Protein backbone atom coordinates (compact mmCIF):
# COMPACT_ATOMS: atom_id res chain seq x y z
CA UNK A 1 -12.06 -11.00 -1.66
CA UNK A 2 -10.25 -7.21 -1.71
CA UNK A 3 -7.88 -6.67 1.71
CA UNK A 4 -6.82 -3.40 2.33
CA UNK A 5 -4.29 -4.07 5.26
CA UNK A 6 -1.31 -2.72 6.03
CA UNK A 7 0.54 -5.70 6.31
CA UNK A 8 2.18 -7.43 2.87
CA UNK A 9 0.51 -10.82 2.48
CA UNK A 10 2.51 -13.31 1.52
CA UNK A 11 1.91 -14.45 -2.19
CA UNK A 12 3.93 -17.34 -2.31
CA UNK A 13 2.21 -18.85 0.50
CA UNK A 14 -1.07 -18.27 -1.34
CA UNK A 15 -2.35 -15.66 1.12
CA UNK A 16 -3.87 -13.96 -2.49
CA UNK A 17 -3.57 -14.03 -5.77
CA UNK A 18 -2.44 -10.58 -7.07
CA UNK A 19 -1.55 -7.60 -4.81
CA UNK A 20 -1.31 -3.83 -5.74
CA UNK A 21 1.54 -2.42 -3.25
CA UNK A 22 3.12 0.67 -2.80
CA UNK A 23 6.51 -1.28 -2.59
CA UNK A 24 8.46 -3.35 -5.05
CA UNK A 25 8.10 -6.85 -3.55
CA UNK A 26 11.74 -8.55 -2.80
CA UNK A 27 10.89 -11.88 -3.16
CA UNK A 28 12.11 -13.45 -6.51
CA UNK A 29 9.55 -15.50 -6.97
CA UNK A 30 7.15 -12.84 -7.34
CA UNK A 31 6.22 -11.09 -10.55
CA UNK A 32 5.96 -7.18 -10.52
CA UNK A 33 4.43 -4.70 -13.16
CA UNK A 34 3.87 -0.86 -12.65
CA UNK A 35 0.88 0.14 -13.08
CA UNK A 36 0.90 3.73 -12.74
CA UNK A 37 2.37 7.27 -11.11
CA UNK A 38 0.53 8.19 -8.41
CA UNK A 39 0.84 11.92 -6.01
CA UNK A 40 0.09 11.49 -2.50
CA UNK A 41 -1.24 14.41 -0.67
CA UNK A 42 -1.52 14.94 3.29
CA UNK A 43 -4.50 17.05 4.40
CA UNK A 44 -6.09 18.29 7.73
CA UNK A 45 -8.36 20.55 8.85
CA UNK A 46 -7.24 23.70 10.57
CA UNK A 47 -8.66 22.86 14.03
CA UNK A 48 -7.12 19.80 14.42
CA UNK A 49 -3.56 21.96 13.95
CA UNK A 50 -4.65 24.70 16.19
CA UNK A 51 -5.09 21.38 19.19
CA UNK A 52 -1.99 20.20 18.48
CA UNK A 53 -0.29 23.60 19.25
């Protein structure tokens, strides 16, 4: 099963076997591996910005 929720699953409580996260886990019982570098872009329609003025 793939869970795309924003909260972090508790892998030590067997809420999942593998997690892909944007933050390094702090639990010393978890093994973390860096997968890739990523870029983040934020995009919005001009009409959305015009409505926010």
